[in-house]
Amino acid sequence: MTRGSGTVQPSSGTGVIEGFAPYGEYQTWYRVTGDLQSGKPPLIVVHGGPGCTHDYVDSFKRLASTGRAVVHYDQVGNGRSTHLREKGADFWTVDFFKRELDSLIDHLGVRSAYHVLGQSWGGMLGSEFAATRPRGLKSLVIADSPASMELWLQAANELRAQLPPEVQETLLRHEEAGTTGSPEYDAAVLIFYQRHVCRVKPMPEEVARTFAAIADDPTVYHTMNGPSEFHVIGSLKSWSMIGRLGTVEVPTLLISGKYDEATPATVQPFADEIPDVRWTVFDHSSHMPHVEETELCMQVVGDFLAEHDA
């Protein structure tokens, strides 16, 4: 494991390098699978939440088999990076995480050419990042992400209405009472998640690790999002990229699942406003095609990246 403030100097092999990139007074943990000097622009994978970890998007490391380095990292506040349980909503902002991504790119020494893939919140962050026209960005993948939280909440309410009546009653009762930390609420939430977040049963180990990490330190998730995917009462509640996406200049791939909590209506503004965009819907997936239809997802993403390496 490498630590320190210098630019990463990977070996010429195709192994795995882990380290910590300084971000101000904090540390961002990262892992590079493959060779950053391979000649192909690396893929930087931005996890969701806000408040998740890299674990549940771990499968994208398979793309390193094509000779492309794949970078995973835990955003500050999560996983193996610096935790700051005492910080509030004024600290956890979109700009904070956007600057962290910028800092990591420079630390890795890949500013001249790289791709970004963001999943869920990661795609929201990726769109914010791409809209600034950052130097070296070759393409963007927005996976299972809403273009606004207003659309996300509308979709969540529609999907909630399809749950069994007793599940809906349990959710509403605990939300109104402020007892969303109860096991009964968690059990009701899981029913929604099994339909619209990850349909693989039992829950894959890497996905379970991310949920366990959120439970261990829910600071970022609860502050920016709320107690569940569909009860959004955090600082991101009014977030939107609608009307700002025209400045995304790089080719963009949209990904979503047929049963995704990121319904077509939540994704549509990306398709409407980004100038160079395509959209793939995975017929047997919900919010995690990279877990639910792994091989096909890797093929679609890998082909897109290869097309836009030059």
C-alpha atoms as a PDB file:
ATOM      1  CA  MET A   1       0.000   0.000   0.000  1.00  0.00           C
ATOM      2  CA  THR A   2       1.373   3.396  -0.924  1.00  0.00           C
ATOM      3  CA  ARG A   3       0.814   6.539   1.104  1.00  0.00           C
ATOM      4  CA  GLY A   4       1.860  10.144   0.766  1.00  0.00           C
ATOM      5  CA  SER A   5       1.282  13.261  -1.257  1.00  0.00           C
ATOM      6  CA  GLY A   6       3.313  12.492  -4.362  1.00  0.00           C
ATOM      7  CA  THR A   7       1.933  11.428  -7.725  1.00  0.00           C
ATOM      8  CA  VAL A   8       1.392   7.669  -8.002  1.00  0.00           C
ATOM      9  CA  GLN A   9       4.176   5.862  -9.849  1.00  0.00           C
ATOM     10  CA  PRO A  10       2.731   2.439 -10.724  1.00  0.00           C
ATOM     11  CA  SER A  11       4.788  -0.478 -11.893  1.00  0.00           C
ATOM     12  CA  SER A  12       4.560  -1.661 -15.469  1.00  0.00           C
ATOM     13  CA  GLY A  13       2.635  -4.750 -14.381  1.00  0.00           C
ATOM     14  CA  THR A  14      -1.117  -5.289 -14.264  1.00  0.00           C
ATOM     15  CA  GLY A  15      -1.535  -5.876 -10.550  1.00  0.00           C
ATOM     16  CA  VAL A  16      -3.277  -3.892  -7.840  1.00  0.00           C
ATOM     17  CA  ILE A  17      -2.046  -0.762  -6.092  1.00  0.00           C
ATOM     18  CA  GLU A  18      -3.764   0.728  -3.037  1.00  0.00           C
ATOM     19  CA  GLY A  19      -2.981   4.031  -1.415  1.00  0.00           C
ATOM     20  CA  PHE A  20      -4.213   7.245   0.119  1.00  0.00           C
ATOM     21  CA  ALA A  21      -4.447  10.508  -1.782  1.00  0.00           C
ATOM     22  CA  PRO A  22      -4.277  13.676   0.324  1.00  0.00           C
ATOM     23  CA  TYR A  23      -7.338  15.887   0.075  1.00  0.00           C
ATOM     24  CA  GLY A  24      -6.638  18.938   2.167  1.00  0.00           C
ATOM     25  CA  GLU A  25      -6.261  17.633   5.703  1.00  0.00           C
ATOM     26  CA  TYR A  26      -8.122  14.412   4.825  1.00  0.00           C
ATOM     27  CA  GLN A  27      -7.206  11.146   3.121  1.00  0.00           C
ATOM     28  CA  THR A  28      -8.987   9.532   0.169  1.00  0.00           C
ATOM     29  CA  TRP A  29      -8.399   5.789  -0.073  1.00  0.00           C
ATOM     30  CA  TYR A  30      -8.067   4.452  -3.621  1.00  0.00           C
ATOM     31  CA  ARG A  31      -7.233   1.255  -5.476  1.00  0.00           C
ATOM     32  CA  VAL A  32      -5.858   0.927  -8.994  1.00  0.00           C
ATOM     33  CA  THR A  33      -6.470  -2.371 -10.788  1.00  0.00           C
ATOM     34  CA  GLY A  34      -4.192  -2.644 -13.814  1.00  0.00           C
ATOM     35  CA  ASP A  35      -1.512  -0.379 -15.204  1.00  0.00           C
ATOM     36  CA  LEU A  36      -1.970   3.397 -15.297  1.00  0.00           C
ATOM     37  CA  GLN A  37       0.815   3.502 -17.894  1.00  0.00           C
ATOM     38  CA  SER A  38      -0.836   1.064 -20.294  1.00  0.00           C
ATOM     39  CA  GLY A  39      -1.569   3.750 -22.876  1.00  0.00           C
ATOM     40  CA  LYS A  40      -5.328   3.491 -22.448  1.00  0.00           C
ATOM     41  CA  PRO A  41      -7.080   6.230 -20.464  1.00  0.00           C
ATOM     42  CA  PRO A  42      -8.023   4.776 -17.060  1.00  0.00           C
ATOM     43  CA  LEU A  43     -11.589   4.484 -15.804  1.00  0.00           C
ATOM     44  CA  ILE A  44     -12.351   6.224 -12.515  1.00  0.00           C
ATOM     45  CA  VAL A  45     -15.375   4.684 -10.771  1.00  0.00           C
ATOM     46  CA  VAL A  46     -17.411   7.020  -8.542  1.00  0.00           C
ATOM     47  CA  HIS A  47     -19.626   5.205  -6.038  1.00  0.00           C
ATOM     48  CA  GLY A  48     -23.108   6.200  -4.976  1.00  0.00           C
ATOM     49  CA  GLY A  49     -24.905   7.126  -1.801  1.00  0.00           C
ATOM     50  CA  PRO A  50     -23.925   9.730  -0.932  1.00  0.00           C
ATOM     51  CA  GLY A  51     -22.403   7.639   1.810  1.00  0.00           C
ATOM     52  CA  CYS A  52     -21.764   4.283   0.154  1.00  0.00           C
ATOM     53  CA  THR A  53     -18.366   2.649  -0.424  1.00  0.00           C
ATOM     54  CA  HIS A  54     -16.575   1.292  -3.474  1.00  0.00           C
ATOM     55  CA  ASP A  55     -17.439  -2.326  -2.574  1.00  0.00           C
ATOM     56  CA  TYR A  56     -20.772  -2.642  -4.383  1.00  0.00           C
ATOM     57  CA  VAL A  57     -19.315  -1.312  -7.673  1.00  0.00           C
ATOM     58  CA  ASP A  58     -16.265  -3.557  -7.374  1.00  0.00           C
ATOM     59  CA  SER A  59     -17.221  -5.569 -10.477  1.00  0.00           C
ATOM     60  CA  PHE A  60     -16.058  -2.764 -12.771  1.00  0.00           C
ATOM     61  CA  LYS A  61     -12.488  -3.858 -12.008  1.00  0.00           C
ATOM     62  CA  ARG A  62     -13.128  -6.594 -14.579  1.00  0.00           C
ATOM     63  CA  LEU A  63     -12.602  -3.968 -17.263  1.00  0.00           C
ATOM     64  CA  ALA A  64      -8.898  -4.024 -16.354  1.00  0.00           C
ATOM     65  CA  SER A  65      -8.706  -7.300 -18.298  1.00  0.00           C
ATOM     66  CA  THR A  66      -8.872  -5.193 -21.480  1.00  0.00           C
ATOM     67  CA  GLY A  67      -5.611  -3.473 -20.568  1.00  0.00           C
ATOM     68  CA  ARG A  68      -7.253  -0.421 -19.028  1.00  0.00           C
ATOM     69  CA  ALA A  69      -6.528   0.596 -15.443  1.00  0.00           C
ATOM     70  CA  VAL A  70      -9.652   0.858 -13.279  1.00  0.00           C
ATOM     71  CA  VAL A  71      -9.623   3.170 -10.258  1.00  0.00           C
ATOM     72  CA  HIS A  72     -11.964   2.721  -7.313  1.00  0.00           C
ATOM     73  CA  TYR A  73     -12.035   5.035  -4.309  1.00  0.00           C
ATOM     74  CA  ASP A  74     -14.002   5.657  -1.142  1.00  0.00           C
ATOM     75  CA  GLN A  75     -15.213   9.228  -0.908  1.00  0.00           C
ATOM     76  CA  VAL A  76     -14.187  11.047   2.260  1.00  0.00           C
ATOM     77  CA  GLY A  77     -16.589  10.200   5.078  1.00  0.00           C
ATOM     78  CA  ASN A  78     -16.909   6.620   3.907  1.00  0.00           C
ATOM     79  CA  GLY A  79     -15.171   3.258   3.820  1.00  0.00           C
ATOM     80  CA  ARG A  80     -11.411   3.395   4.229  1.00  0.00           C
ATOM     81  CA  SER A  81     -11.145   7.156   3.752  1.00  0.00           C
ATOM     82  CA  THR A  82     -11.211   9.753   6.536  1.00  0.00           C
ATOM     83  CA  HIS A  83     -14.431   9.654   8.571  1.00  0.00           C
ATOM     84  CA  LEU A  84     -15.887  12.873   9.948  1.00  0.00           C
ATOM     85  CA  ARG A  85     -18.896  11.929  12.039  1.00  0.00           C
ATOM     86  CA  GLU A  86     -19.085  15.367  13.617  1.00  0.00           C
ATOM     87  CA  LYS A  87     -19.610  17.290  10.354  1.00  0.00           C
ATOM     88  CA  GLY A  88     -23.016  18.640   9.319  1.00  0.00           C
ATOM     89  CA  ALA A  89     -24.867  19.626   6.163  1.00  0.00           C
ATOM     90  CA  ASP A  90     -22.787  22.749   5.621  1.00  0.00           C
ATOM     91  CA  PHE A  91     -19.708  20.525   5.198  1.00  0.00           C
ATOM     92  CA  TRP A  92     -21.073  17.692   3.050  1.00  0.00           C
ATOM     93  CA  THR A  93     -21.709  19.416  -0.283  1.00  0.00           C
ATOM     94  CA  VAL A  94     -21.581  18.538  -3.970  1.00  0.00           C
ATOM     95  CA  ASP A  95     -18.638  20.896  -4.410  1.00  0.00           C
ATOM     96  CA  PHE A  96     -16.712  19.130  -1.637  1.00  0.00           C
ATOM     97  CA  PHE A  97     -16.939  15.795  -3.450  1.00  0.00           C
ATOM     98  CA  LYS A  98     -16.344  17.352  -6.857  1.00  0.00           C
ATOM     99  CA  ARG A  99     -13.087  18.865  -5.603  1.00  0.00           C
ATOM    100  CA  GLU A 100     -12.118  15.494  -4.111  1.00  0.00           C
ATOM    101  CA  LEU A 101     -12.485  13.821  -7.510  1.00  0.00           C
ATOM    102  CA  ASP A 102     -10.373  16.546  -9.110  1.00  0.00           C
ATOM    103  CA  SER A 103      -7.727  16.101  -6.425  1.00  0.00           C
ATOM    104  CA  LEU A 104      -7.598  12.337  -6.928  1.00  0.00           C
ATOM    105  CA  ILE A 105      -7.145  12.704 -10.693  1.00  0.00           C
ATOM    106  CA  ASP A 106      -4.140  14.939 -10.156  1.00  0.00           C
ATOM    107  CA  HIS A 107      -2.695  12.653  -7.476  1.00  0.00           C
ATOM    108  CA  LEU A 108      -2.885   9.691  -9.854  1.00  0.00           C
ATOM    109  CA  GLY A 109      -1.113  11.684 -12.557  1.00  0.00           C
ATOM    110  CA  VAL A 110      -3.771  10.975 -15.198  1.00  0.00           C
ATOM    111  CA  ARG A 111      -4.996  14.513 -15.882  1.00  0.00           C
ATOM    112  CA  SER A 112      -4.159  14.221 -19.590  1.00  0.00           C
ATOM    113  CA  ALA A 113      -6.724  11.481 -20.307  1.00  0.00           C
ATOM    114  CA  TYR A 114      -9.280   9.516 -18.249  1.00  0.00           C
ATOM    115  CA  HIS A 115     -12.898   8.307 -18.262  1.00  0.00           C
ATOM    116  CA  VAL A 116     -15.383   8.716 -15.398  1.00  0.00           C
ATOM    117  CA  LEU A 117     -18.174   6.295 -14.497  1.00  0.00           C
ATOM    118  CA  GLY A 118     -20.565   7.331 -11.744  1.00  0.00           C
ATOM    119  CA  GLN A 119     -23.242   5.059 -10.318  1.00  0.00           C
ATOM    120  CA  SER A 120     -26.408   6.541  -8.705  1.00  0.00           C
ATOM    121  CA  TRP A 121     -25.171   9.517  -6.633  1.00  0.00           C
ATOM    122  CA  GLY A 122     -21.849   8.938  -8.401  1.00  0.00           C
ATOM    123  CA  GLY A 123     -23.538   9.689 -11.726  1.00  0.00           C
ATOM    124  CA  MET A 124     -25.061  12.832 -10.286  1.00  0.00           C
ATOM    125  CA  LEU A 125     -21.602  13.882  -9.148  1.00  0.00           C
ATOM    126  CA  GLY A 126     -20.136  12.831 -12.493  1.00  0.00           C
ATOM    127  CA  SER A 127     -22.567  15.048 -14.373  1.00  0.00           C
ATOM    128  CA  GLU A 128     -21.698  17.986 -12.128  1.00  0.00           C
ATOM    129  CA  PHE A 129     -18.010  17.313 -12.745  1.00  0.00           C
ATOM    130  CA  ALA A 130     -18.359  16.920 -16.525  1.00  0.00           C
ATOM    131  CA  ALA A 131     -20.405  20.118 -16.774  1.00  0.00           C
ATOM    132  CA  THR A 132     -17.308  22.061 -15.679  1.00  0.00           C
ATOM    133  CA  ARG A 133     -15.499  20.808 -18.808  1.00  0.00           C
ATOM    134  CA  PRO A 134     -12.530  19.355 -16.894  1.00  0.00           C
ATOM    135  CA  ARG A 135      -9.301  18.888 -18.779  1.00  0.00           C
ATOM    136  CA  GLY A 136      -8.564  15.327 -19.871  1.00  0.00           C
ATOM    137  CA  LEU A 137     -12.068  13.859 -19.522  1.00  0.00           C
ATOM    138  CA  LYS A 138     -12.638  11.554 -22.507  1.00  0.00           C
ATOM    139  CA  SER A 139     -16.120  10.243 -21.750  1.00  0.00           C
ATOM    140  CA  LEU A 140     -18.734   9.931 -19.022  1.00  0.00           C
ATOM    141  CA  VAL A 141     -20.894   6.990 -17.944  1.00  0.00           C
ATOM    142  CA  ILE A 142     -23.958   7.888 -15.862  1.00  0.00           C
ATOM    143  CA  ALA A 143     -25.299   4.681 -14.355  1.00  0.00           C
ATOM    144  CA  ASP A 144     -28.721   4.516 -12.657  1.00  0.00           C
ATOM    145  CA  SER A 145     -28.788   8.214 -11.750  1.00  0.00           C
ATOM    146  CA  PRO A 146     -31.547  10.827 -11.610  1.00  0.00           C
ATOM    147  CA  ALA A 147     -31.136  14.237 -13.224  1.00  0.00           C
ATOM    148  CA  SER A 148     -33.004  15.824 -10.306  1.00  0.00           C
ATOM    149  CA  MET A 149     -34.102  14.785  -6.846  1.00  0.00           C
ATOM    150  CA  GLU A 150     -37.596  16.099  -7.474  1.00  0.00           C
ATOM    151  CA  LEU A 151     -37.963  13.523 -10.256  1.00  0.00           C
ATOM    152  CA  TRP A 152     -36.366  10.884  -8.002  1.00  0.00           C
ATOM    153  CA  LEU A 153     -38.915  11.509  -5.247  1.00  0.00           C
ATOM    154  CA  GLN A 154     -41.806  11.412  -7.707  1.00  0.00           C
ATOM    155  CA  ALA A 155     -40.575   8.053  -8.988  1.00  0.00           C
ATOM    156  CA  ALA A 156     -40.020   6.749  -5.457  1.00  0.00           C
ATOM    157  CA  ASN A 157     -43.583   7.599  -4.479  1.00  0.00           C
ATOM    158  CA  GLU A 158     -44.905   5.818  -7.563  1.00  0.00           C
ATOM    159  CA  LEU A 159     -42.865   2.705  -6.770  1.00  0.00           C
ATOM    160  CA  ARG A 160     -43.844   2.806  -3.095  1.00  0.00           C
ATOM    161  CA  ALA A 161     -47.486   2.800  -4.109  1.00  0.00           C
ATOM    162  CA  GLN A 162     -46.915  -0.597  -5.739  1.00  0.00           C
ATOM    163  CA  LEU A 163     -45.714  -2.203  -2.508  1.00  0.00           C
ATOM    164  CA  PRO A 164     -48.089  -4.372  -0.447  1.00  0.00           C
ATOM    165  CA  PRO A 165     -50.442  -2.168   1.650  1.00  0.00           C
ATOM    166  CA  GLU A 166     -49.044  -3.424   4.949  1.00  0.00           C
ATOM    167  CA  VAL A 167     -45.498  -2.506   3.854  1.00  0.00           C
ATOM    168  CA  GLN A 168     -46.619   0.973   2.831  1.00  0.00           C
ATOM    169  CA  GLU A 169     -48.327   1.400   6.207  1.00  0.00           C
ATOM    170  CA  THR A 170     -45.215   0.346   8.107  1.00  0.00           C
ATOM    171  CA  LEU A 171     -43.006   2.751   6.179  1.00  0.00           C
ATOM    172  CA  LEU A 172     -45.338   5.697   6.625  1.00  0.00           C
ATOM    173  CA  ARG A 173     -45.932   5.034  10.314  1.00  0.00           C
ATOM    174  CA  HIS A 174     -42.247   5.040  11.164  1.00  0.00           C
ATOM    175  CA  GLU A 175     -41.466   8.036   8.952  1.00  0.00           C
ATOM    176  CA  GLU A 176     -44.193  10.093  10.619  1.00  0.00           C
ATOM    177  CA  ALA A 177     -43.060   8.986  14.088  1.00  0.00           C
ATOM    178  CA  GLY A 178     -39.390   9.596  13.380  1.00  0.00           C
ATOM    179  CA  THR A 179     -38.534   5.971  14.191  1.00  0.00           C
ATOM    180  CA  THR A 180     -36.843   5.085  10.906  1.00  0.00           C
ATOM    181  CA  GLY A 181     -34.010   3.415  12.813  1.00  0.00           C
ATOM    182  CA  SER A 182     -36.276   0.586  13.950  1.00  0.00           C
ATOM    183  CA  PRO A 183     -35.803  -3.011  12.720  1.00  0.00           C
ATOM    184  CA  GLU A 184     -39.420  -3.043  11.504  1.00  0.00           C
ATOM    185  CA  TYR A 185     -38.736  -0.059   9.241  1.00  0.00           C
ATOM    186  CA  ASP A 186     -35.524  -1.670   7.988  1.00  0.00           C
ATOM    187  CA  ALA A 187     -37.401  -4.857   7.097  1.00  0.00           C
ATOM    188  CA  ALA A 188     -39.995  -2.886   5.133  1.00  0.00           C
ATOM    189  CA  VAL A 189     -37.277  -0.931   3.342  1.00  0.00           C
ATOM    190  CA  LEU A 190     -35.615  -4.192   2.327  1.00  0.00           C
ATOM    191  CA  ILE A 191     -38.751  -5.236   0.431  1.00  0.00           C
ATOM    192  CA  PHE A 192     -38.458  -2.092  -1.701  1.00  0.00           C
ATOM    193  CA  TYR A 193     -34.725  -2.665  -2.180  1.00  0.00           C
ATOM    194  CA  GLN A 194     -35.261  -6.261  -3.332  1.00  0.00           C
ATOM    195  CA  ARG A 195     -37.557  -4.951  -6.055  1.00  0.00           C
ATOM    196  CA  HIS A 196     -35.798  -1.794  -7.198  1.00  0.00           C
ATOM    197  CA  VAL A 197     -32.192  -1.680  -5.884  1.00  0.00           C
ATOM    198  CA  CYS A 198     -30.735  -5.178  -6.303  1.00  0.00           C
ATOM    199  CA  ARG A 199     -32.868  -8.136  -7.383  1.00  0.00           C
ATOM    200  CA  VAL A 200     -30.135 -10.752  -6.822  1.00  0.00           C
ATOM    201  CA  LYS A 201     -30.947 -13.067  -3.895  1.00  0.00           C
ATOM    202  CA  PRO A 202     -29.229 -13.563  -1.589  1.00  0.00           C
ATOM    203  CA  MET A 203     -27.708 -10.110  -1.600  1.00  0.00           C
ATOM    204  CA  PRO A 204     -24.195 -10.350  -3.101  1.00  0.00           C
ATOM    205  CA  GLU A 205     -21.362 -10.065  -0.597  1.00  0.00           C
ATOM    206  CA  GLU A 206     -19.945  -6.865  -2.059  1.00  0.00           C
ATOM    207  CA  VAL A 207     -23.352  -5.162  -1.888  1.00  0.00           C
ATOM    208  CA  ALA A 208     -23.848  -6.352   1.685  1.00  0.00           C
ATOM    209  CA  ARG A 209     -20.464  -4.876   2.628  1.00  0.00           C
ATOM    210  CA  THR A 210     -21.549  -1.455   1.407  1.00  0.00           C
ATOM    211  CA  PHE A 211     -24.843  -1.590   3.317  1.00  0.00           C
ATOM    212  CA  ALA A 212     -22.943  -2.667   6.435  1.00  0.00           C
ATOM    213  CA  ALA A 213     -20.562   0.266   6.016  1.00  0.00           C
ATOM    214  CA  ILE A 214     -23.477   2.709   5.785  1.00  0.00           C
ATOM    215  CA  ALA A 215     -24.973   1.231   8.950  1.00  0.00           C
ATOM    216  CA  ASP A 216     -21.633   1.577  10.728  1.00  0.00           C
ATOM    217  CA  ASP A 217     -21.285   5.266   9.802  1.00  0.00           C
ATOM    218  CA  PRO A 218     -24.423   6.771   8.231  1.00  0.00           C
ATOM    219  CA  THR A 219     -23.193  10.369   8.598  1.00  0.00           C
ATOM    220  CA  VAL A 220     -22.973  11.267   4.915  1.00  0.00           C
ATOM    221  CA  TYR A 221     -25.975   9.207   3.799  1.00  0.00           C
ATOM    222  CA  HIS A 222     -28.327  10.532   6.468  1.00  0.00           C
ATOM    223  CA  THR A 223     -27.116  14.125   6.098  1.00  0.00           C
ATOM    224  CA  MET A 224     -27.299  14.398   2.318  1.00  0.00           C
ATOM    225  CA  ASN A 225     -29.980  11.818   1.497  1.00  0.00           C
ATOM    226  CA  GLY A 226     -32.008  10.609   4.472  1.00  0.00           C
ATOM    227  CA  PRO A 227     -32.880   7.327   6.176  1.00  0.00           C
ATOM    228  CA  SER A 228     -33.707   5.402   2.970  1.00  0.00           C
ATOM    229  CA  GLU A 229     -33.586   5.575  -0.809  1.00  0.00           C
ATOM    230  CA  PHE A 230     -37.159   6.830  -1.002  1.00  0.00           C
ATOM    231  CA  HIS A 231     -37.425   8.997   2.125  1.00  0.00           C
ATOM    232  CA  VAL A 232     -35.150  11.829   1.021  1.00  0.00           C
ATOM    233  CA  ILE A 233     -35.101  14.590   3.622  1.00  0.00           C
ATOM    234  CA  GLY A 234     -31.408  15.514   3.455  1.00  0.00           C
ATOM    235  CA  SER A 235     -29.504  18.408   1.911  1.00  0.00           C
ATOM    236  CA  LEU A 236     -29.721  16.942  -1.611  1.00  0.00           C
ATOM    237  CA  LYS A 237     -33.522  17.124  -1.636  1.00  0.00           C
ATOM    238  CA  SER A 238     -33.630  20.081  -4.036  1.00  0.00           C
ATOM    239  CA  TRP A 239     -30.616  19.103  -6.180  1.00  0.00           C
ATOM    240  CA  SER A 240     -31.015  19.251  -9.971  1.00  0.00           C
ATOM    241  CA  MET A 241     -28.885  19.280 -13.109  1.00  0.00           C
ATOM    242  CA  ILE A 242     -31.815  20.118 -15.382  1.00  0.00           C
ATOM    243  CA  GLY A 243     -30.983  23.136 -17.515  1.00  0.00           C
ATOM    244  CA  ARG A 244     -27.237  22.748 -16.897  1.00  0.00           C
ATOM    245  CA  LEU A 245     -26.437  19.599 -18.869  1.00  0.00           C
ATOM    246  CA  GLY A 246     -25.786  21.321 -22.182  1.00  0.00           C
ATOM    247  CA  THR A 247     -22.247  22.081 -21.033  1.00  0.00           C
ATOM    248  CA  VAL A 248     -21.359  18.372 -20.861  1.00  0.00           C
ATOM    249  CA  GLU A 249     -19.178  18.176 -23.969  1.00  0.00           C
ATOM    250  CA  VAL A 250     -17.897  14.588 -23.781  1.00  0.00           C
ATOM    251  CA  PRO A 251     -19.656  11.500 -25.184  1.00  0.00           C
ATOM    252  CA  THR A 252     -21.955  10.121 -22.495  1.00  0.00           C
ATOM    253  CA  LEU A 253     -23.423   6.675 -21.902  1.00  0.00           C
ATOM    254  CA  LEU A 254     -26.570   6.372 -19.801  1.00  0.00           C
ATOM    255  CA  ILE A 255     -27.314   3.073 -18.047  1.00  0.00           C
ATOM    256  CA  SER A 256     -30.442   2.004 -16.203  1.00  0.00           C
ATOM    257  CA  GLY A 257     -32.399  -1.139 -15.385  1.00  0.00           C
ATOM    258  CA  LYS A 258     -35.941  -2.033 -16.348  1.00  0.00           C
ATOM    259  CA  TYR A 259     -36.908  -2.258 -12.649  1.00  0.00           C
ATOM    260  CA  ASP A 260     -34.597   0.562 -11.534  1.00  0.00           C
ATOM    261  CA  GLU A 261     -35.568   3.024  -8.829  1.00  0.00           C
ATOM    262  CA  ALA A 262     -33.993   5.471 -11.271  1.00  0.00           C
ATOM    263  CA  THR A 263     -37.023   5.213 -13.559  1.00  0.00           C
ATOM    264  CA  PRO A 264     -36.968   6.421 -17.187  1.00  0.00           C
ATOM    265  CA  ALA A 265     -38.557   9.726 -16.162  1.00  0.00           C
ATOM    266  CA  THR A 266     -35.659  10.460 -13.791  1.00  0.00           C
ATOM    267  CA  VAL A 267     -33.028   9.730 -16.464  1.00  0.00           C
ATOM    268  CA  GLN A 268     -34.758  11.413 -19.419  1.00  0.00           C
ATOM    269  CA  PRO A 269     -33.332  14.942 -18.876  1.00  0.00           C
ATOM    270  CA  PHE A 270     -29.816  13.556 -19.336  1.00  0.00           C
ATOM    271  CA  ALA A 271     -30.905  12.136 -22.701  1.00  0.00           C
ATOM    272  CA  ASP A 272     -32.666  15.350 -23.656  1.00  0.00           C
ATOM    273  CA  GLU A 273     -29.934  17.834 -22.778  1.00  0.00           C
ATOM    274  CA  ILE A 274     -26.509  16.200 -23.168  1.00  0.00           C
ATOM    275  CA  PRO A 275     -25.455  16.760 -26.805  1.00  0.00           C
ATOM    276  CA  ASP A 276     -23.654  13.431 -27.427  1.00  0.00           C
ATOM    277  CA  VAL A 277     -25.518  10.729 -25.534  1.00  0.00           C
ATOM    278  CA  ARG A 278     -26.775   7.174 -25.807  1.00  0.00           C
ATOM    279  CA  TRP A 279     -28.884   5.115 -23.393  1.00  0.00           C
ATOM    280  CA  THR A 280     -28.855   1.393 -22.620  1.00  0.00           C
ATOM    281  CA  VAL A 281     -31.595  -0.211 -20.509  1.00  0.00           C
ATOM    282  CA  PHE A 282     -30.879  -3.642 -18.998  1.00  0.00           C
ATOM    283  CA  ASP A 283     -34.005  -5.773 -19.117  1.00  0.00           C
ATOM    284  CA  HIS A 284     -33.226  -8.008 -16.145  1.00  0.00           C
ATOM    285  CA  SER A 285     -31.852  -5.401 -13.753  1.00  0.00           C
ATOM    286  CA  SER A 286     -32.980  -2.841 -11.240  1.00  0.00           C
ATOM    287  CA  HIS A 287     -30.502  -0.303  -9.786  1.00  0.00           C
ATOM    288  CA  MET A 288     -27.343  -2.396 -10.231  1.00  0.00           C
ATOM    289  CA  PRO A 289     -26.908  -3.826 -13.749  1.00  0.00           C
ATOM    290  CA  HIS A 290     -23.201  -4.201 -12.941  1.00  0.00           C
ATOM    291  CA  VAL A 291     -24.257  -6.808 -10.340  1.00  0.00           C
ATOM    292  CA  GLU A 292     -27.482  -8.130 -11.867  1.00  0.00           C
ATOM    293  CA  GLU A 293     -26.276  -8.502 -15.480  1.00  0.00           C
ATOM    294  CA  THR A 294     -22.558  -8.240 -14.926  1.00  0.00           C
ATOM    295  CA  GLU A 295     -21.175  -9.691 -18.139  1.00  0.00           C
ATOM    296  CA  LEU A 296     -23.473  -7.707 -20.429  1.00  0.00           C
ATOM    297  CA  CYS A 297     -22.905  -4.521 -18.453  1.00  0.00           C
ATOM    298  CA  MET A 298     -19.122  -4.903 -18.682  1.00  0.00           C
ATOM    299  CA  GLN A 299     -19.386  -5.479 -22.424  1.00  0.00           C
ATOM    300  CA  VAL A 300     -21.542  -2.397 -22.982  1.00  0.00           C
ATOM    301  CA  VAL A 301     -19.340  -0.146 -20.855  1.00  0.00           C
ATOM    302  CA  GLY A 302     -16.089  -1.596 -22.181  1.00  0.00           C
ATOM    303  CA  ASP A 303     -17.131  -1.121 -25.809  1.00  0.00           C
ATOM    304  CA  PHE A 304     -18.184   2.467 -25.114  1.00  0.00           C
ATOM    305  CA  LEU A 305     -14.894   3.335 -23.422  1.00  0.00           C
ATOM    306  CA  ALA A 306     -12.845   1.770 -26.223  1.00  0.00           C
ATOM    307  CA  GLU A 307     -14.778   3.804 -28.769  1.00  0.00           C
ATOM    308  CA  HIS A 308     -13.804   7.031 -27.036  1.00  0.00           C
ATOM    309  CA  ASP A 309     -10.194   6.381 -26.005  1.00  0.00           C
ATOM    310  CA  ALA A 310      -8.749   8.472 -28.835  1.00  0.00           C
END
